[in-house]
N, C-alpha and C. Protein backbone atom coordinates (compact mmCIF):
# COMPACT_ATOMS: atom_id res chain seq x y z
N MET A 1 -3.27 -143.02 -131.97
CA MET A 1 -2.26 -142.20 -130.92
C MET A 1 -1.58 -143.26 -130.05
N TYR A 2 -0.73 -142.99 -129.72
CA TYR A 2 0.17 -143.55 -128.84
C TYR A 2 -0.19 -143.71 -127.46
N LYS A 3 -0.10 -145.07 -127.04
CA LYS A 3 -0.65 -145.20 -125.45
C LYS A 3 0.39 -145.93 -124.72
N MET A 4 0.92 -145.48 -123.42
CA MET A 4 2.01 -145.39 -123.15
C MET A 4 1.99 -146.82 -122.14
N THR A 5 3.03 -147.59 -122.11
CA THR A 5 2.85 -149.09 -121.23
C THR A 5 3.01 -148.22 -119.92
N GLU A 6 2.36 -149.61 -119.03
CA GLU A 6 2.78 -148.98 -117.46
C GLU A 6 3.71 -149.13 -116.99
N LYS A 7 4.72 -149.60 -117.91
CA LYS A 7 6.04 -149.72 -117.61
C LYS A 7 6.85 -147.99 -117.68
N GLU A 8 6.32 -147.10 -118.91
CA GLU A 8 6.63 -145.93 -119.17
C GLU A 8 6.12 -144.69 -118.34
N LEU A 9 4.47 -145.43 -117.98
CA LEU A 9 4.12 -144.28 -116.85
C LEU A 9 4.81 -144.29 -116.01
N LEU A 10 5.44 -145.58 -115.31
CA LEU A 10 5.93 -145.21 -114.29
C LEU A 10 7.38 -144.97 -114.19
N GLU A 11 7.91 -144.96 -115.03
CA GLU A 11 9.14 -144.25 -115.53
C GLU A 11 8.74 -142.57 -115.60
N LEU A 12 7.76 -142.39 -116.39
CA LEU A 12 7.77 -140.90 -116.59
C LEU A 12 7.52 -140.12 -115.09
N LYS A 13 6.52 -141.00 -114.21
CA LYS A 13 6.52 -140.87 -112.85
C LYS A 13 7.59 -140.39 -111.65
N GLU A 14 8.41 -141.34 -111.81
CA GLU A 14 9.58 -141.45 -111.25
C GLU A 14 10.17 -139.92 -111.96
N ASP A 15 10.32 -139.96 -113.20
CA ASP A 15 11.09 -138.80 -113.55
C ASP A 15 10.59 -137.61 -113.40
N ILE A 16 9.19 -137.18 -113.17
CA ILE A 16 8.43 -136.03 -112.53
C ILE A 16 8.98 -135.78 -110.86
N GLU A 17 9.21 -137.22 -109.99
CA GLU A 17 8.97 -136.86 -108.74
C GLU A 17 10.68 -136.13 -108.58
N GLU A 18 11.53 -136.90 -109.43
CA GLU A 18 13.12 -136.61 -109.68
C GLU A 18 12.87 -134.86 -110.01
N ALA A 19 12.06 -134.63 -110.51
CA ALA A 19 12.65 -133.17 -111.18
C ALA A 19 11.76 -132.10 -109.75
N LYS A 20 10.24 -132.76 -109.53
CA LYS A 20 10.23 -131.73 -108.80
C LYS A 20 11.32 -131.92 -107.38
N GLN A 21 11.92 -132.95 -107.01
CA GLN A 21 12.90 -133.04 -106.02
C GLN A 21 13.75 -131.81 -106.30
N LYS A 22 14.21 -131.86 -107.38
CA LYS A 22 15.52 -131.19 -107.98
C LYS A 22 14.72 -129.71 -107.99
N VAL A 23 13.50 -128.77 -108.23
CA VAL A 23 13.08 -127.89 -108.08
C VAL A 23 13.24 -127.70 -106.54
N SER A 24 12.63 -128.53 -105.77
CA SER A 24 12.81 -128.07 -104.40
C SER A 24 13.75 -127.79 -103.49
N GLU A 25 15.12 -128.70 -103.97
CA GLU A 25 16.42 -127.93 -103.69
C GLU A 25 16.71 -127.01 -103.99
N LEU A 26 16.68 -126.54 -105.35
CA LEU A 26 16.95 -125.13 -106.18
C LEU A 26 15.96 -124.35 -105.53
N LYS A 27 14.96 -124.20 -104.84
CA LYS A 27 14.60 -123.28 -104.33
C LYS A 27 15.04 -123.04 -102.79
N GLY A 28 15.60 -124.25 -102.32
CA GLY A 28 16.06 -124.01 -101.35
C GLY A 28 17.62 -123.00 -101.07
N GLU A 29 18.15 -123.86 -102.28
CA GLU A 29 19.47 -122.95 -102.42
C GLU A 29 19.15 -121.67 -102.88
N ARG A 30 18.30 -120.90 -103.55
CA ARG A 30 18.24 -120.06 -104.02
C ARG A 30 18.26 -119.30 -102.39
N GLN A 31 17.35 -119.89 -101.52
CA GLN A 31 16.35 -118.78 -100.47
C GLN A 31 17.73 -118.44 -99.36
N ALA A 32 18.56 -119.58 -99.58
CA ALA A 32 19.79 -119.43 -98.32
C ALA A 32 20.89 -118.38 -99.46
N LEU A 33 21.17 -118.33 -100.77
CA LEU A 33 21.82 -117.65 -101.06
C LEU A 33 21.30 -115.90 -100.72
N MET A 34 20.18 -116.23 -101.10
CA MET A 34 19.18 -114.46 -100.74
C MET A 34 19.55 -114.40 -99.65
N LYS A 35 19.49 -115.01 -98.50
CA LYS A 35 19.35 -114.74 -97.33
C LYS A 35 20.80 -114.22 -97.38
N ARG A 36 21.86 -115.24 -97.45
CA ARG A 36 23.34 -114.35 -97.15
C ARG A 36 23.69 -113.71 -97.95
N LEU A 37 22.78 -113.38 -99.11
CA LEU A 37 23.00 -111.80 -99.99
C LEU A 37 22.45 -110.43 -98.90
N LYS A 38 21.62 -110.68 -97.96
CA LYS A 38 20.85 -109.96 -97.76
C LYS A 38 22.17 -109.33 -96.27
N GLU A 39 22.50 -111.08 -95.56
CA GLU A 39 22.95 -110.41 -94.25
C GLU A 39 24.33 -110.21 -94.52
N ASP A 40 25.00 -110.51 -95.64
CA ASP A 40 26.39 -110.19 -95.85
C ASP A 40 26.56 -108.81 -97.07
N TRP A 41 25.88 -108.40 -97.77
CA TRP A 41 25.71 -107.17 -98.38
C TRP A 41 24.45 -106.12 -98.49
N ASN A 42 23.73 -106.47 -97.11
CA ASN A 42 22.42 -105.75 -97.17
C ASN A 42 21.62 -105.49 -98.76
N CYS A 43 21.24 -106.74 -99.16
CA CYS A 43 20.88 -106.35 -100.55
C CYS A 43 19.65 -107.50 -100.51
N GLY A 44 18.38 -106.95 -100.96
CA GLY A 44 17.61 -107.88 -100.77
C GLY A 44 16.77 -108.12 -102.29
N SER A 45 17.55 -107.89 -103.56
CA SER A 45 17.33 -108.54 -104.49
C SER A 45 18.62 -108.60 -105.26
N LEU A 46 18.60 -109.32 -106.41
CA LEU A 46 20.01 -109.49 -107.06
C LEU A 46 20.25 -108.03 -107.91
N GLU A 47 19.21 -107.10 -108.51
CA GLU A 47 19.39 -105.54 -108.92
C GLU A 47 19.84 -104.86 -108.16
N GLU A 48 19.63 -105.32 -106.97
CA GLU A 48 20.24 -104.43 -105.58
C GLU A 48 21.98 -104.52 -105.40
N ALA A 49 22.30 -106.47 -105.53
CA ALA A 49 23.37 -106.53 -105.48
C ALA A 49 24.07 -106.13 -106.76
N GLU A 50 23.67 -106.00 -108.02
CA GLU A 50 24.41 -105.53 -109.25
C GLU A 50 24.86 -104.49 -108.65
N LYS A 51 23.88 -103.86 -108.52
CA LYS A 51 24.22 -101.89 -108.25
C LYS A 51 25.27 -101.72 -107.79
N LYS A 52 25.20 -102.82 -106.39
CA LYS A 52 25.88 -102.47 -105.41
C LYS A 52 27.64 -102.89 -105.65
N LEU A 53 27.45 -104.22 -106.80
CA LEU A 53 28.66 -104.28 -107.10
C LEU A 53 29.20 -103.52 -108.26
N LYS A 54 28.68 -102.53 -108.95
CA LYS A 54 29.23 -101.30 -109.80
C LYS A 54 29.50 -100.54 -109.22
N GLU A 55 28.95 -100.20 -108.06
CA GLU A 55 29.41 -99.30 -107.57
C GLU A 55 30.62 -99.54 -106.48
N MET A 56 30.57 -101.04 -105.75
CA MET A 56 31.97 -101.04 -105.60
C MET A 56 33.22 -100.96 -106.59
N SER A 57 33.00 -101.81 -107.73
CA SER A 57 33.94 -101.84 -109.04
C SER A 57 34.34 -100.27 -109.36
N GLU A 58 33.57 -99.47 -109.38
CA GLU A 58 33.95 -98.32 -109.47
C GLU A 58 34.94 -97.46 -108.66
N GLN A 59 34.35 -97.48 -107.12
CA GLN A 59 35.27 -97.38 -106.18
C GLN A 59 36.84 -98.27 -106.33
N VAL A 60 36.70 -99.15 -106.66
CA VAL A 60 38.34 -99.87 -106.74
C VAL A 60 38.66 -98.94 -107.76
N ASP A 61 38.29 -98.80 -109.20
CA ASP A 61 38.97 -98.40 -109.85
C ASP A 61 39.46 -96.85 -109.86
N LYS A 62 38.72 -96.05 -108.63
CA LYS A 62 39.17 -94.57 -108.29
C LYS A 62 40.43 -94.70 -107.73
N LEU A 63 40.24 -95.92 -106.61
CA LEU A 63 41.22 -96.08 -105.84
C LEU A 63 42.62 -96.55 -106.55
N SER A 64 42.10 -97.38 -107.08
CA SER A 64 43.39 -97.62 -108.17
C SER A 64 44.21 -96.79 -109.05
N ASP A 65 43.35 -95.56 -109.53
CA ASP A 65 43.98 -94.58 -110.29
C ASP A 65 44.56 -93.51 -109.05
N GLU A 66 44.15 -93.60 -107.72
CA GLU A 66 44.75 -92.65 -106.93
C GLU A 66 46.03 -93.42 -106.56
N ILE A 67 46.23 -94.22 -106.46
CA ILE A 67 47.31 -94.97 -106.33
C ILE A 67 48.27 -95.35 -107.09
N THR A 68 47.85 -95.26 -107.86
CA THR A 68 48.94 -95.07 -109.42
C THR A 68 49.17 -93.52 -109.39
N GLU A 69 48.56 -92.74 -109.53
CA GLU A 69 49.03 -91.12 -109.43
C GLU A 69 50.05 -91.00 -108.50
N GLY A 70 49.42 -91.34 -107.23
CA GLY A 70 50.48 -91.55 -105.84
C GLY A 70 51.71 -92.00 -106.16
N MET A 71 51.97 -92.98 -106.53
CA MET A 71 53.13 -93.87 -106.67
C MET A 71 53.95 -93.31 -107.86
N GLU A 72 53.45 -92.71 -108.77
CA GLU A 72 53.85 -91.76 -109.72
C GLU A 72 54.67 -90.40 -109.37
N GLU A 73 54.12 -90.01 -108.61
CA GLU A 73 54.47 -88.56 -107.81
C GLU A 73 55.23 -89.48 -106.77
N LEU A 74 55.54 -89.78 -106.36
CA LEU A 74 56.32 -90.34 -105.53
C LEU A 74 57.61 -90.78 -105.86
N GLU A 75 57.36 -91.48 -106.86
CA GLU A 75 58.76 -91.76 -107.83
C GLU A 75 59.56 -90.76 -108.67
N SER A 76 58.51 -89.60 -108.70
CA SER A 76 59.59 -88.04 -109.51
C SER A 76 59.96 -88.00 -108.39
N LYS A 77 59.56 -87.56 -107.20
CA LYS A 77 59.58 -86.50 -106.23
C LYS A 77 61.43 -87.70 -105.44
N PHE A 78 61.82 -88.78 -105.83
CA PHE A 78 62.89 -89.08 -105.58
C PHE A 78 63.64 -89.30 -106.49
N GLU A 79 63.08 -89.30 -107.93
CA GLU A 79 64.31 -89.06 -108.98
C GLU A 79 64.92 -87.70 -108.99
N ARG A 80 64.56 -86.88 -108.25
CA ARG A 80 65.61 -85.86 -108.20
C ARG A 80 67.14 -85.82 -107.69
């Protein structure tokens, strides 16, 4: 069985502490992003945000189609 040296144990401890710090930072960032998602878009979860994004994309597509149809209609009226 392999025994770790004191130096290896200290390095491992340092790595663990760094990982804990990173996890803490990431949790804080996630919390801030979720708060902003709620404030800006009234979404309490990523699932809600994905649903809202899909709905908004569909609205954009519909409006784009309506604009294209309107432009084609105008062009045909002015070509006469």
